[in-house]
Amino acid sequence: MEEFSIGMVVVTLWETFRWLAVIGALAGLFALVVLWRSLWRARRRNLGAWRLFRRGVIVMLVVALILTPFVPTWTMAPIGDLRGIADYVVAFGMALAPAALAGVFWVYLGSLRTASRPARA
C-alpha cells in the first residue's frame, strides 16, 4: 500500500476514462454546489433543511437499490454475474453514484418550495 496515493488514482482514472473522468469529477463538484445551495435556501426559507437532506438520502438509497441489478449491464459484464453478497455490495456501491445525483435533484426540488411560516430575519 506504500505506492497508493491520490496521484496514482488520478493517473489511473485518466488512463482508464480520459475526459470522461474529468466530466465525472466536474459533475460531482457541481452536485455538491447544488446540494449546498439547496440546503442553504431551505434553511433560509425555514423548510427544515435537515429533514430535506434526510429525504434526499432516502431517495438516493432507494434509487441505488433499484439500479443495483442493472450494474452488470452498464459495466458490460454478463447479467448473471451477481452471485454472492460481495457482488451485490460492490454493485450497490457503483449504483450509488447515479443515485446520489437523484438524491441531490430531490433536495434541489424540495428547496424550491415556499415556506409555510415566515422567513427568519
PDB file of N, CA and C in Angstrom:
ATOM      1  N   MET A   1       0.810  -1.205   0.000  1.00  0.00           N
ATOM      2  CA  MET A   1       0.000   0.000   0.000  1.00  0.00           C
ATOM      3  C   MET A   1       0.847   1.260   0.000  1.00  0.00           C
ATOM      4  N   GLU A   2       2.160   1.138   0.042  1.00  0.00           N
ATOM      5  CA  GLU A   2       3.018   2.321   0.027  1.00  0.00           C
ATOM      6  C   GLU A   2       2.853   3.121  -1.259  1.00  0.00           C
ATOM      7  N   GLU A   3       2.609   2.406  -2.364  1.00  0.00           N
ATOM      8  CA  GLU A   3       2.518   3.074  -3.657  1.00  0.00           C
ATOM      9  C   GLU A   3       1.176   3.767  -3.867  1.00  0.00           C
ATOM     10  N   PHE A   4       0.226   3.538  -2.993  1.00  0.00           N
ATOM     11  CA  PHE A   4      -1.107   4.091  -3.154  1.00  0.00           C
ATOM     12  C   PHE A   4      -1.103   5.578  -2.785  1.00  0.00           C
ATOM     13  N   SER A   5      -1.508   6.414  -3.730  1.00  0.00           N
ATOM     14  CA  SER A   5      -1.566   7.852  -3.474  1.00  0.00           C
ATOM     15  C   SER A   5      -2.667   8.462  -4.329  1.00  0.00           C
ATOM     16  N   ILE A   6      -2.996   9.692  -4.025  1.00  0.00           N
ATOM     17  CA  ILE A   6      -4.015  10.405  -4.801  1.00  0.00           C
ATOM     18  C   ILE A   6      -3.552  10.563  -6.252  1.00  0.00           C
ATOM     19  N   GLY A   7      -2.283  10.846  -6.422  1.00  0.00           N
ATOM     20  CA  GLY A   7      -1.742  10.988  -7.776  1.00  0.00           C
ATOM     21  C   GLY A   7      -1.909   9.724  -8.600  1.00  0.00           C
ATOM     22  N   MET A   8      -1.692   8.568  -7.951  1.00  0.00           N
ATOM     23  CA  MET A   8      -1.854   7.302  -8.649  1.00  0.00           C
ATOM     24  C   MET A   8      -3.316   7.081  -9.060  1.00  0.00           C
ATOM     25  N   VAL A   9      -4.242   7.453  -8.186  1.00  0.00           N
ATOM     26  CA  VAL A   9      -5.659   7.311  -8.501  1.00  0.00           C
ATOM     27  C   VAL A   9      -6.031   8.206  -9.681  1.00  0.00           C
ATOM     28  N   VAL A  10      -5.541   9.454  -9.675  1.00  0.00           N
ATOM     29  CA  VAL A  10      -5.844  10.380 -10.767  1.00  0.00           C
ATOM     30  C   VAL A  10      -5.290   9.852 -12.088  1.00  0.00           C
ATOM     31  N   VAL A  11      -4.052   9.370 -12.078  1.00  0.00           N
ATOM     32  CA  VAL A  11      -3.445   8.844 -13.310  1.00  0.00           C
ATOM     33  C   VAL A  11      -4.203   7.615 -13.795  1.00  0.00           C
ATOM     34  N   THR A  12      -4.597   6.731 -12.877  1.00  0.00           N
ATOM     35  CA  THR A  12      -5.351   5.544 -13.265  1.00  0.00           C
ATOM     36  C   THR A  12      -6.703   5.918 -13.863  1.00  0.00           C
ATOM     37  N   LEU A  13      -7.400   6.874 -13.242  1.00  0.00           N
ATOM     38  CA  LEU A  13      -8.683   7.318 -13.802  1.00  0.00           C
ATOM     39  C   LEU A  13      -8.493   7.949 -15.176  1.00  0.00           C
ATOM     40  N   TRP A  14      -7.434   8.742 -15.330  1.00  0.00           N
ATOM     41  CA  TRP A  14      -7.188   9.384 -16.628  1.00  0.00           C
ATOM     42  C   TRP A  14      -6.879   8.335 -17.697  1.00  0.00           C
ATOM     43  N   GLU A  15      -6.048   7.356 -17.363  1.00  0.00           N
ATOM     44  CA  GLU A  15      -5.700   6.332 -18.350  1.00  0.00           C
ATOM     45  C   GLU A  15      -6.887   5.440 -18.698  1.00  0.00           C
ATOM     46  N   THR A  16      -7.794   5.270 -17.753  1.00  0.00           N
ATOM     47  CA  THR A  16      -8.945   4.406 -17.990  1.00  0.00           C
ATOM     48  C   THR A  16     -10.076   5.135 -18.716  1.00  0.00           C
ATOM     49  N   PHE A  17     -10.403   6.338 -18.264  1.00  0.00           N
ATOM     50  CA  PHE A  17     -11.600   7.022 -18.754  1.00  0.00           C
ATOM     51  C   PHE A  17     -11.332   8.271 -19.582  1.00  0.00           C
ATOM     52  N   ARG A  18     -10.122   8.769 -19.582  1.00  0.00           N
ATOM     53  CA  ARG A  18      -9.740  10.010 -20.274  1.00  0.00           C
ATOM     54  C   ARG A  18     -10.652  11.152 -19.844  1.00  0.00           C
ATOM     55  N   TRP A  19     -11.285  11.804 -20.786  1.00  0.00           N
ATOM     56  CA  TRP A  19     -12.085  13.003 -20.487  1.00  0.00           C
ATOM     57  C   TRP A  19     -13.365  12.688 -19.730  1.00  0.00           C
ATOM     58  N   LEU A  20     -13.809  11.442 -19.786  1.00  0.00           N
ATOM     59  CA  LEU A  20     -14.998  11.066 -19.030  1.00  0.00           C
ATOM     60  C   LEU A  20     -14.740  11.180 -17.525  1.00  0.00           C
ATOM     61  N   ALA A  21     -13.503  10.926 -17.089  1.00  0.00           N
ATOM     62  CA  ALA A  21     -13.157  11.098 -15.679  1.00  0.00           C
ATOM     63  C   ALA A  21     -13.229  12.564 -15.278  1.00  0.00           C
ATOM     64  N   VAL A  22     -12.799  13.451 -16.151  1.00  0.00           N
ATOM     65  CA  VAL A  22     -12.857  14.886 -15.868  1.00  0.00           C
ATOM     66  C   VAL A  22     -14.311  15.344 -15.811  1.00  0.00           C
ATOM     67  N   ILE A  23     -15.108  14.876 -16.748  1.00  0.00           N
ATOM     68  CA  ILE A  23     -16.532  15.237 -16.764  1.00  0.00           C
ATOM     69  C   ILE A  23     -17.219  14.714 -15.499  1.00  0.00           C
ATOM     70  N   GLY A  24     -16.892  13.498 -15.081  1.00  0.00           N
ATOM     71  CA  GLY A  24     -17.470  12.948 -13.851  1.00  0.00           C
ATOM     72  C   GLY A  24     -17.070  13.733 -12.612  1.00  0.00           C
ATOM     73  N   ALA A  25     -15.808  14.150 -12.559  1.00  0.00           N
ATOM     74  CA  ALA A  25     -15.353  14.953 -11.420  1.00  0.00           C
ATOM     75  C   ALA A  25     -16.057  16.304 -11.392  1.00  0.00           C
ATOM     76  N   LEU A  26     -16.213  16.918 -12.554  1.00  0.00           N
ATOM     77  CA  LEU A  26     -16.920  18.196 -12.623  1.00  0.00           C
ATOM     78  C   LEU A  26     -18.394  18.039 -12.267  1.00  0.00           C
ATOM     79  N   ALA A  27     -19.008  16.939 -12.688  1.00  0.00           N
ATOM     80  CA  ALA A  27     -20.411  16.687 -12.337  1.00  0.00           C
ATOM     81  C   ALA A  27     -20.561  16.493 -10.830  1.00  0.00           C
ATOM     82  N   GLY A  28     -19.611  15.800 -10.210  1.00  0.00           N
ATOM     83  CA  GLY A  28     -19.643  15.628  -8.756  1.00  0.00           C
ATOM     84  C   GLY A  28     -19.483  16.943  -8.024  1.00  0.00           C
ATOM     85  N   LEU A  29     -18.578  17.776  -8.500  1.00  0.00           N
ATOM     86  CA  LEU A  29     -18.381  19.094  -7.895  1.00  0.00           C
ATOM     87  C   LEU A  29     -19.631  19.957  -8.057  1.00  0.00           C
ATOM     88  N   PHE A  30     -20.226  19.919  -9.237  1.00  0.00           N
ATOM     89  CA  PHE A  30     -21.460  20.666  -9.487  1.00  0.00           C
ATOM     90  C   PHE A  30     -22.582  20.177  -8.570  1.00  0.00           C
ATOM     91  N   ALA A  31     -22.674  18.847  -8.367  1.00  0.00           N
ATOM     92  CA  ALA A  31     -23.714  18.296  -7.492  1.00  0.00           C
ATOM     93  C   ALA A  31     -23.513  18.757  -6.050  1.00  0.00           C
ATOM     94  N   LEU A  32     -22.265  18.835  -5.598  1.00  0.00           N
ATOM     95  CA  LEU A  32     -22.008  19.326  -4.244  1.00  0.00           C
ATOM     96  C   LEU A  32     -22.409  20.791  -4.088  1.00  0.00           C
ATOM     97  N   VAL A  33     -22.127  21.598  -5.100  1.00  0.00           N
ATOM     98  CA  VAL A  33     -22.503  23.018  -5.048  1.00  0.00           C
ATOM     99  C   VAL A  33     -24.024  23.155  -5.035  1.00  0.00           C
ATOM    100  N   VAL A  34     -24.715  22.389  -5.873  1.00  0.00           N
ATOM    101  CA  VAL A  34     -26.177  22.443  -5.909  1.00  0.00           C
ATOM    102  C   VAL A  34     -26.763  21.984  -4.578  1.00  0.00           C
ATOM    103  N   LEU A  35     -26.189  20.932  -3.982  1.00  0.00           N
ATOM    104  CA  LEU A  35     -26.671  20.449  -2.694  1.00  0.00           C
ATOM    105  C   LEU A  35     -26.490  21.512  -1.619  1.00  0.00           C
ATOM    106  N   TRP A  36     -25.323  22.110  -1.559  1.00  0.00           N
ATOM    107  CA  TRP A  36     -25.054  23.143  -0.550  1.00  0.00           C
ATOM    108  C   TRP A  36     -25.997  24.328  -0.720  1.00  0.00           C
ATOM    109  N   ARG A  37     -26.164  24.800  -1.952  1.00  0.00           N
ATOM    110  CA  ARG A  37     -27.055  25.947  -2.191  1.00  0.00           C
ATOM    111  C   ARG A  37     -28.508  25.599  -1.862  1.00  0.00           C
ATOM    112  N   SER A  38     -28.921  24.392  -2.182  1.00  0.00           N
ATOM    113  CA  SER A  38     -30.296  23.980  -1.908  1.00  0.00           C
ATOM    114  C   SER A  38     -30.565  23.911  -0.415  1.00  0.00           C
ATOM    115  N   LEU A  39     -29.616  23.346   0.344  1.00  0.00           N
ATOM    116  CA  LEU A  39     -29.798  23.277   1.796  1.00  0.00           C
ATOM    117  C   LEU A  39     -29.755  24.667   2.413  1.00  0.00           C
ATOM    118  N   TRP A  40     -28.920  25.533   1.880  1.00  0.00           N
ATOM    119  CA  TRP A  40     -28.860  26.915   2.354  1.00  0.00           C
ATOM    120  C   TRP A  40     -30.189  27.623   2.095  1.00  0.00           C
ATOM    121  N   ARG A  41     -30.752  27.421   0.895  1.00  0.00           N
ATOM    122  CA  ARG A  41     -32.046  28.030   0.544  1.00  0.00           C
ATOM    123  C   ARG A  41     -33.151  27.479   1.439  1.00  0.00           C
ATOM    124  N   ALA A  42     -33.148  26.176   1.678  1.00  0.00           N
ATOM    125  CA  ALA A  42     -34.173  25.569   2.528  1.00  0.00           C
ATOM    126  C   ALA A  42     -34.079  26.092   3.956  1.00  0.00           C
ATOM    127  N   ARG A  43     -32.872  26.253   4.454  1.00  0.00           N
ATOM    128  CA  ARG A  43     -32.707  26.780   5.811  1.00  0.00           C
ATOM    129  C   ARG A  43     -33.175  28.226   5.890  1.00  0.00           C
ATOM    130  N   ARG A  44     -32.853  29.009   4.884  1.00  0.00           N
ATOM    131  CA  ARG A  44     -33.251  30.418   4.865  1.00  0.00           C
ATOM    132  C   ARG A  44     -34.762  30.567   4.797  1.00  0.00           C
ATOM    133  N   ARG A  45     -35.438  29.647   4.123  1.00  0.00           N
ATOM    134  CA  ARG A  45     -36.895  29.709   3.992  1.00  0.00           C
ATOM    135  C   ARG A  45     -37.619  28.932   5.085  1.00  0.00           C
ATOM    136  N   ASN A  46     -36.892  28.427   6.068  1.00  0.00           N
ATOM    137  CA  ASN A  46     -37.479  27.639   7.155  1.00  0.00           C
ATOM    138  C   ASN A  46     -38.217  26.403   6.649  1.00  0.00           C
ATOM    139  N   LEU A  47     -37.609  25.691   5.725  1.00  0.00           N
ATOM    140  CA  LEU A  47     -38.232  24.487   5.181  1.00  0.00           C
ATOM    141  C   LEU A  47     -37.772  23.210   5.872  1.00  0.00           C
ATOM    142  N   GLY A  48     -36.893  23.305   6.841  1.00  0.00           N
ATOM    143  CA  GLY A  48     -36.382  22.113   7.501  1.00  0.00           C
ATOM    144  C   GLY A  48     -35.289  21.468   6.671  1.00  0.00           C
ATOM    145  N   ALA A  49     -34.120  22.078   6.651  1.00  0.00           N
ATOM    146  CA  ALA A  49     -33.024  21.614   5.801  1.00  0.00           C
ATOM    147  C   ALA A  49     -32.574  20.205   6.178  1.00  0.00           C
ATOM    148  N   TRP A  50     -32.531  19.901   7.467  1.00  0.00           N
ATOM    149  CA  TRP A  50     -32.082  18.581   7.880  1.00  0.00           C
ATOM    150  C   TRP A  50     -33.071  17.501   7.435  1.00  0.00           C
ATOM    151  N   ARG A  51     -34.347  17.780   7.576  1.00  0.00           N
ATOM    152  CA  ARG A  51     -35.374  16.836   7.132  1.00  0.00           C
ATOM    153  C   ARG A  51     -35.313  16.650   5.613  1.00  0.00           C
ATOM    154  N   LEU A  52     -35.093  17.732   4.896  1.00  0.00           N
ATOM    155  CA  LEU A  52     -34.969  17.661   3.438  1.00  0.00           C
ATOM    156  C   LEU A  52     -33.742  16.840   3.041  1.00  0.00           C
ATOM    157  N   PHE A  53     -32.633  17.016   3.757  1.00  0.00           N
ATOM    158  CA  PHE A  53     -31.423  16.250   3.485  1.00  0.00           C
ATOM    159  C   PHE A  53     -31.654  14.757   3.729  1.00  0.00           C
ATOM    160  N   ARG A  54     -32.330  14.423   4.839  1.00  0.00           N
ATOM    161  CA  ARG A  54     -32.624  13.017   5.132  1.00  0.00           C
ATOM    162  C   ARG A  54     -33.498  12.398   4.047  1.00  0.00           C
ATOM    163  N   ARG A  55     -34.474  13.145   3.551  1.00  0.00           N
ATOM    164  CA  ARG A  55     -35.322  12.626   2.472  1.00  0.00           C
ATOM    165  C   ARG A  55     -34.500  12.397   1.208  1.00  0.00           C
ATOM    166  N   GLY A  56     -33.550  13.284   0.948  1.00  0.00           N
ATOM    167  CA  GLY A  56     -32.667  13.103  -0.207  1.00  0.00           C
ATOM    168  C   GLY A  56     -31.821  11.850  -0.079  1.00  0.00           C
ATOM    169  N   VAL A  57     -31.350  11.561   1.135  1.00  0.00           N
ATOM    170  CA  VAL A  57     -30.559  10.344   1.368  1.00  0.00           C
ATOM    171  C   VAL A  57     -31.432   9.108   1.173  1.00  0.00           C
ATOM    172  N   ILE A  58     -32.670   9.165   1.641  1.00  0.00           N
ATOM    173  CA  ILE A  58     -33.582   8.029   1.461  1.00  0.00           C
ATOM    174  C   ILE A  58     -33.858   7.798  -0.016  1.00  0.00           C
ATOM    175  N   VAL A  59     -34.089   8.872  -0.768  1.00  0.00           N
ATOM    176  CA  VAL A  59     -34.299   8.743  -2.214  1.00  0.00           C
ATOM    177  C   VAL A  59     -33.068   8.131  -2.866  1.00  0.00           C
ATOM    178  N   MET A  60     -31.885   8.581  -2.453  1.00  0.00           N
ATOM    179  CA  MET A  60     -30.645   8.052  -3.016  1.00  0.00           C
ATOM    180  C   MET A  60     -30.532   6.545  -2.761  1.00  0.00           C
ATOM    181  N   LEU A  61     -30.816   6.103  -1.553  1.00  0.00           N
ATOM    182  CA  LEU A  61     -30.701   4.681  -1.228  1.00  0.00           C
ATOM    183  C   LEU A  61     -31.722   3.836  -1.986  1.00  0.00           C
ATOM    184  N   VAL A  62     -32.935   4.352  -2.132  1.00  0.00           N
ATOM    185  CA  VAL A  62     -33.969   3.610  -2.872  1.00  0.00           C
ATOM    186  C   VAL A  62     -33.594   3.502  -4.343  1.00  0.00           C
ATOM    187  N   VAL A  63     -33.124   4.591  -4.935  1.00  0.00           N
ATOM    188  CA  VAL A  63     -32.713   4.551  -6.341  1.00  0.00           C
ATOM    189  C   VAL A  63     -31.528   3.608  -6.519  1.00  0.00           C
ATOM    190  N   ALA A  64     -30.590   3.606  -5.570  1.00  0.00           N
ATOM    191  CA  ALA A  64     -29.445   2.697  -5.661  1.00  0.00           C
ATOM    192  C   ALA A  64     -29.900   1.237  -5.586  1.00  0.00           C
ATOM    193  N   LEU A  65     -30.885   0.947  -4.729  1.00  0.00           N
ATOM    194  CA  LEU A  65     -31.414  -0.419  -4.673  1.00  0.00           C
ATOM    195  C   LEU A  65     -32.065  -0.829  -5.980  1.00  0.00           C
ATOM    196  N   ILE A  66     -32.772   0.112  -6.602  1.00  0.00           N
ATOM    197  CA  ILE A  66     -33.425  -0.179  -7.879  1.00  0.00           C
ATOM    198  C   ILE A  66     -32.389  -0.396  -8.980  1.00  0.00           C
ATOM    199  N   LEU A  67     -31.308   0.383  -8.975  1.00  0.00           N
ATOM    200  CA  LEU A  67     -30.292   0.301 -10.027  1.00  0.00           C
ATOM    201  C   LEU A  67     -29.298  -0.845  -9.849  1.00  0.00           C
ATOM    202  N   THR A  68     -29.196  -1.411  -8.661  1.00  0.00           N
ATOM    203  CA  THR A  68     -28.191  -2.449  -8.394  1.00  0.00           C
ATOM    204  C   THR A  68     -28.247  -3.624  -9.366  1.00  0.00           C
ATOM    205  N   PRO A  69     -29.406  -4.190  -9.695  1.00  0.00           N
ATOM    206  CA  PRO A  69     -29.408  -5.318 -10.636  1.00  0.00           C
ATOM    207  C   PRO A  69     -28.957  -4.939 -12.054  1.00  0.00           C
ATOM    208  N   PHE A  70     -28.971  -3.643 -12.386  1.00  0.00           N
ATOM    209  CA  PHE A  70     -28.605  -3.208 -13.725  1.00  0.00           C
ATOM    210  C   PHE A  70     -27.131  -2.855 -13.862  1.00  0.00           C
ATOM    211  N   VAL A  71     -26.371  -2.902 -12.778  1.00  0.00           N
ATOM    212  CA  VAL A  71     -24.948  -2.551 -12.826  1.00  0.00           C
ATOM    213  C   VAL A  71     -24.164  -3.445 -13.780  1.00  0.00           C
ATOM    214  N   PRO A  72     -24.379  -4.773 -13.800  1.00  0.00           N
ATOM    215  CA  PRO A  72     -23.625  -5.570 -14.773  1.00  0.00           C
ATOM    216  C   PRO A  72     -23.871  -5.145 -16.220  1.00  0.00           C
ATOM    217  N   THR A  73     -25.054  -4.652 -16.511  1.00  0.00           N
ATOM    218  CA  THR A  73     -25.359  -4.225 -17.875  1.00  0.00           C
ATOM    219  C   THR A  73     -24.500  -3.046 -18.281  1.00  0.00           C
ATOM    220  N   TRP A  74     -24.360  -2.026 -17.414  1.00  0.00           N
ATOM    221  CA  TRP A  74     -23.594  -0.864 -17.830  1.00  0.00           C
ATOM    222  C   TRP A  74     -22.095  -1.050 -17.651  1.00  0.00           C
ATOM    223  N   THR A  75     -21.678  -2.131 -16.993  1.00  0.00           N
ATOM    224  CA  THR A  75     -20.249  -2.443 -16.920  1.00  0.00           C
ATOM    225  C   THR A  75     -19.863  -3.489 -17.957  1.00  0.00           C
ATOM    226  N   MET A  76     -20.823  -3.875 -18.797  1.00  0.00           N
ATOM    227  CA  MET A  76     -20.628  -4.850 -19.871  1.00  0.00           C
ATOM    228  C   MET A  76     -20.220  -6.228 -19.356  1.00  0.00           C
ATOM    229  N   ALA A  77     -20.659  -6.562 -18.170  1.00  0.00           N
ATOM    230  CA  ALA A  77     -20.437  -7.889 -17.602  1.00  0.00           C
ATOM    231  C   ALA A  77     -21.664  -8.748 -17.911  1.00  0.00           C
ATOM    232  N   PRO A  78     -21.499 -10.046 -17.892  1.00  0.00           N
ATOM    233  CA  PRO A  78     -22.683 -10.900 -18.067  1.00  0.00           C
ATOM    234  C   PRO A  78     -23.714 -10.622 -16.976  1.00  0.00           C
ATOM    235  N   ILE A  79     -24.973 -10.664 -17.336  1.00  0.00           N
ATOM    236  CA  ILE A  79     -26.040 -10.296 -16.407  1.00  0.00           C
ATOM    237  C   ILE A  79     -26.077 -11.223 -15.196  1.00  0.00           C
ATOM    238  N   GLY A  80     -25.688 -12.466 -15.340  1.00  0.00           N
ATOM    239  CA  GLY A  80     -25.729 -13.412 -14.232  1.00  0.00           C
ATOM    240  C   GLY A  80     -24.533 -13.337 -13.302  1.00  0.00           C
ATOM    241  N   ASP A  81     -23.712 -12.301 -13.399  1.00  0.00           N
ATOM    242  CA  ASP A  81     -22.509 -12.213 -12.570  1.00  0.00           C
ATOM    243  C   ASP A  81     -22.776 -11.820 -11.126  1.00  0.00           C
ATOM    244  N   LEU A  82     -23.955 -11.397 -10.792  1.00  0.00           N
ATOM    245  CA  LEU A  82     -24.268 -11.073  -9.396  1.00  0.00           C
ATOM    246  C   LEU A  82     -24.649 -12.371  -8.689  1.00  0.00           C
ATOM    247  N   ARG A  83     -23.655 -12.990  -8.032  1.00  0.00           N
ATOM    248  CA  ARG A  83     -23.899 -14.289  -7.408  1.00  0.00           C
ATOM    249  C   ARG A  83     -23.790 -14.247  -5.892  1.00  0.00           C
ATOM    250  N   GLY A  84     -22.792 -13.574  -5.375  1.00  0.00           N
ATOM    251  CA  GLY A  84     -22.559 -13.577  -3.937  1.00  0.00           C
ATOM    252  C   GLY A  84     -22.866 -12.232  -3.316  1.00  0.00           C
ATOM    253  N   ILE A  85     -22.791 -12.198  -1.999  1.00  0.00           N
ATOM    254  CA  ILE A  85     -23.088 -10.960  -1.272  1.00  0.00           C
ATOM    255  C   ILE A  85     -22.073  -9.882  -1.621  1.00  0.00           C
ATOM    256  N   ALA A  86     -20.820 -10.263  -1.828  1.00  0.00           N
ATOM    257  CA  ALA A  86     -19.794  -9.273  -2.182  1.00  0.00           C
ATOM    258  C   ALA A  86     -20.110  -8.633  -3.530  1.00  0.00           C
ATOM    259  N   ASP A  87     -20.637  -9.406  -4.469  1.00  0.00           N
ATOM    260  CA  ASP A  87     -21.017  -8.856  -5.772  1.00  0.00           C
ATOM    261  C   ASP A  87     -22.115  -7.813  -5.630  1.00  0.00           C
ATOM    262  N   TYR A  88     -23.086  -8.111  -4.785  1.00  0.00           N
ATOM    263  CA  TYR A  88     -24.183  -7.172  -4.574  1.00  0.00           C
ATOM    264  C   TYR A  88     -23.721  -5.910  -3.849  1.00  0.00           C
ATOM    265  N   VAL A  89     -22.810  -6.061  -2.904  1.00  0.00           N
ATOM    266  CA  VAL A  89     -22.294  -4.892  -2.184  1.00  0.00           C
ATOM    267  C   VAL A  89     -21.530  -3.977  -3.134  1.00  0.00           C
ATOM    268  N   VAL A  90     -20.686  -4.558  -3.984  1.00  0.00           N
ATOM    269  CA  VAL A  90     -19.930  -3.753  -4.950  1.00  0.00           C
ATOM    270  C   VAL A  90     -20.881  -3.114  -5.964  1.00  0.00           C
ATOM    271  N   ALA A  91     -21.861  -3.864  -6.444  1.00  0.00           N
ATOM    272  CA  ALA A  91     -22.828  -3.318  -7.395  1.00  0.00           C
ATOM    273  C   ALA A  91     -23.629  -2.184  -6.765  1.00  0.00           C
ATOM    274  N   PHE A  92     -24.010  -2.352  -5.501  1.00  0.00           N
ATOM    275  CA  PHE A  92     -24.734  -1.293  -4.799  1.00  0.00           C
ATOM    276  C   PHE A  92     -23.859  -0.051  -4.670  1.00  0.00           C
ATOM    277  N   GLY A  93     -22.588  -0.240  -4.352  1.00  0.00           N
ATOM    278  CA  GLY A  93     -21.666   0.894  -4.274  1.00  0.00           C
ATOM    279  C   GLY A  93     -21.528   1.618  -5.599  1.00  0.00           C
ATOM    280  N   MET A  94     -21.510   0.870  -6.687  1.00  0.00           N
ATOM    281  CA  MET A  94     -21.429   1.500  -8.006  1.00  0.00           C
ATOM    282  C   MET A  94     -22.731   2.215  -8.358  1.00  0.00           C
ATOM    283  N   ALA A  95     -23.852   1.671  -7.910  1.00  0.00           N
ATOM    284  CA  ALA A  95     -25.148   2.288  -8.185  1.00  0.00           C
ATOM    285  C   ALA A  95     -25.364   3.555  -7.375  1.00  0.00           C
ATOM    286  N   LEU A  96     -24.565   3.746  -6.321  1.00  0.00           N
ATOM    287  CA  LEU A  96     -24.717   4.952  -5.507  1.00  0.00           C
ATOM    288  C   LEU A  96     -24.337   6.227  -6.268  1.00  0.00           C
ATOM    289  N   ALA A  97     -23.476   6.126  -7.256  1.00  0.00           N
ATOM    290  CA  ALA A  97     -23.055   7.334  -7.993  1.00  0.00           C
ATOM    291  C   ALA A  97     -24.228   7.984  -8.729  1.00  0.00           C
ATOM    292  N   PRO A  98     -24.934   7.276  -9.617  1.00  0.00           N
ATOM    293  CA  PRO A  98     -26.093   7.926 -10.247  1.00  0.00           C
ATOM    294  C   PRO A  98     -27.227   8.181  -9.258  1.00  0.00           C
ATOM    295  N   ALA A  99     -27.338   7.345  -8.236  1.00  0.00           N
ATOM    296  CA  ALA A  99     -28.389   7.542  -7.243  1.00  0.00           C
ATOM    297  C   ALA A  99     -28.146   8.809  -6.435  1.00  0.00           C
ATOM    298  N   ALA A 100     -26.886   9.151  -6.193  1.00  0.00           N
ATOM    299  CA  ALA A 100     -26.576  10.387  -5.465  1.00  0.00           C
ATOM    300  C   ALA A 100     -27.057  11.593  -6.248  1.00  0.00           C
ATOM    301  N   LEU A 101     -26.929  11.545  -7.558  1.00  0.00           N
ATOM    302  CA  LEU A 101     -27.437  12.657  -8.376  1.00  0.00           C
ATOM    303  C   LEU A 101     -28.956  12.769  -8.255  1.00  0.00           C
ATOM    304  N   ALA A 102     -29.645  11.629  -8.173  1.00  0.00           N
ATOM    305  CA  ALA A 102     -31.101  11.661  -7.984  1.00  0.00           C
ATOM    306  C   ALA A 102     -31.449  12.251  -6.617  1.00  0.00           C
ATOM    307  N   GLY A 103     -30.675  11.914  -5.586  1.00  0.00           N
ATOM    308  CA  GLY A 103     -30.910  12.473  -4.256  1.00  0.00           C
ATOM    309  C   GLY A 103     -30.671  13.971  -4.217  1.00  0.00           C
ATOM    310  N   VAL A 104     -29.623  14.440  -4.883  1.00  0.00           N
ATOM    311  CA  VAL A 104     -29.351  15.880  -4.945  1.00  0.00           C
ATOM    312  C   VAL A 104     -30.478  16.590  -5.686  1.00  0.00           C
ATOM    313  N   PHE A 105     -30.971  15.984  -6.757  1.00  0.00           N
ATOM    314  CA  PHE A 105     -32.079  16.576  -7.509  1.00  0.00           C
ATOM    315  C   PHE A 105     -33.327  16.665  -6.635  1.00  0.00           C
ATOM    316  N   TRP A 106     -33.574  15.647  -5.815  1.00  0.00           N
ATOM    317  CA  TRP A 106     -34.719  15.661  -4.896  1.00  0.00           C
ATOM    318  C   TRP A 106     -34.599  16.803  -3.888  1.00  0.00           C
ATOM    319  N   VAL A 107     -33.406  16.980  -3.328  1.00  0.00           N
ATOM    320  CA  VAL A 107     -33.182  18.065  -2.370  1.00  0.00           C
ATOM    321  C   VAL A 107     -33.363  19.409  -3.063  1.00  0.00           C
ATOM    322  N   TYR A 108     -32.851  19.534  -4.283  1.00  0.00           N
ATOM    323  CA  TYR A 108     -32.992  20.783  -5.034  1.00  0.00           C
ATOM    324  C   TYR A 108     -34.461  21.120  -5.255  1.00  0.00           C
ATOM    325  N   LEU A 109     -35.240  20.143  -5.710  1.00  0.00           N
ATOM    326  CA  LEU A 109     -36.669  20.405  -5.933  1.00  0.00           C
ATOM    327  C   LEU A 109     -37.381  20.725  -4.629  1.00  0.00           C
ATOM    328  N   GLY A 110     -37.010  20.057  -3.556  1.00  0.00           N
ATOM    329  CA  GLY A 110     -37.628  20.335  -2.252  1.00  0.00           C
ATOM    330  C   GLY A 110     -37.294  21.717  -1.741  1.00  0.00           C
ATOM    331  N   SER A 111     -36.117  22.231  -2.086  1.00  0.00           N
ATOM    332  CA  SER A 111     -35.740  23.563  -1.609  1.00  0.00           C
ATOM    333  C   SER A 111     -36.445  24.676  -2.371  1.00  0.00           C
ATOM    334  N   LEU A 112     -37.078  24.345  -3.481  1.00  0.00           N
ATOM    335  CA  LEU A 112     -37.786  25.365  -4.260  1.00  0.00           C
ATOM    336  C   LEU A 112     -39.188  25.631  -3.743  1.00  0.00           C
ATOM    337  N   ARG A 113     -39.644  24.812  -2.792  1.00  0.00           N
ATOM    338  CA  ARG A 113     -40.978  25.026  -2.218  1.00  0.00           C
ATOM    339  C   ARG A 113     -41.005  26.347  -1.468  1.00  0.00           C
ATOM    340  N   THR A 114     -42.197  26.860  -1.245  1.00  0.00           N
ATOM    341  CA  THR A 114     -42.314  28.072  -0.448  1.00  0.00           C
ATOM    342  C   THR A 114     -42.532  27.698   1.008  1.00  0.00           C
ATOM    343  N   ALA A 115     -42.104  28.536   1.887  1.00  0.00           N
ATOM    344  CA  ALA A 115     -42.181  28.257   3.323  1.00  0.00           C
ATOM    345  C   ALA A 115     -43.622  28.373   3.811  1.00  0.00           C
ATOM    346  N   SER A 116     -43.955  27.535   4.796  1.00  0.00           N
ATOM    347  CA  SER A 116     -45.285  27.595   5.371  1.00  0.00           C
ATOM    348  C   SER A 116     -45.353  28.607   6.512  1.00  0.00           C
ATOM    349  N   ARG A 117     -44.199  29.042   6.989  1.00  0.00           N
ATOM    350  CA  ARG A 117     -44.150  30.067   8.028  1.00  0.00           C
ATOM    351  C   ARG A 117     -43.189  31.168   7.579  1.00  0.00           C
ATOM    352  N   PRO A 118     -43.253  32.319   8.192  1.00  0.00           N
ATOM    353  CA  PRO A 118     -42.413  33.441   7.727  1.00  0.00           C
ATOM    354  C   PRO A 118     -40.916  33.120   7.848  1.00  0.00           C
ATOM    355  N   ALA A 119     -40.139  33.692   6.951  1.00  0.00           N
ATOM    356  CA  ALA A 119     -38.689  33.513   6.948  1.00  0.00           C
ATOM    357  C   ALA A 119     -38.066  34.233   8.119  1.00  0.00           C
ATOM    358  N   ARG A 120     -36.851  33.771   8.514  1.00  0.00           N
ATOM    359  CA  ARG A 120     -36.119  34.429   9.602  1.00  0.00           C
ATOM    360  C   ARG A 120     -35.601  35.776   9.142  1.00  0.00           C
ATOM    361  N   ALA A 121     -35.448  36.657  10.105  1.00  0.00           N
ATOM    362  CA  ALA A 121     -34.941  37.993   9.773  1.00  0.00           C
ATOM    363  C   ALA A 121     -33.444  37.994   9.629  1.00  0.00           C
TER     364      ALA A 121
END
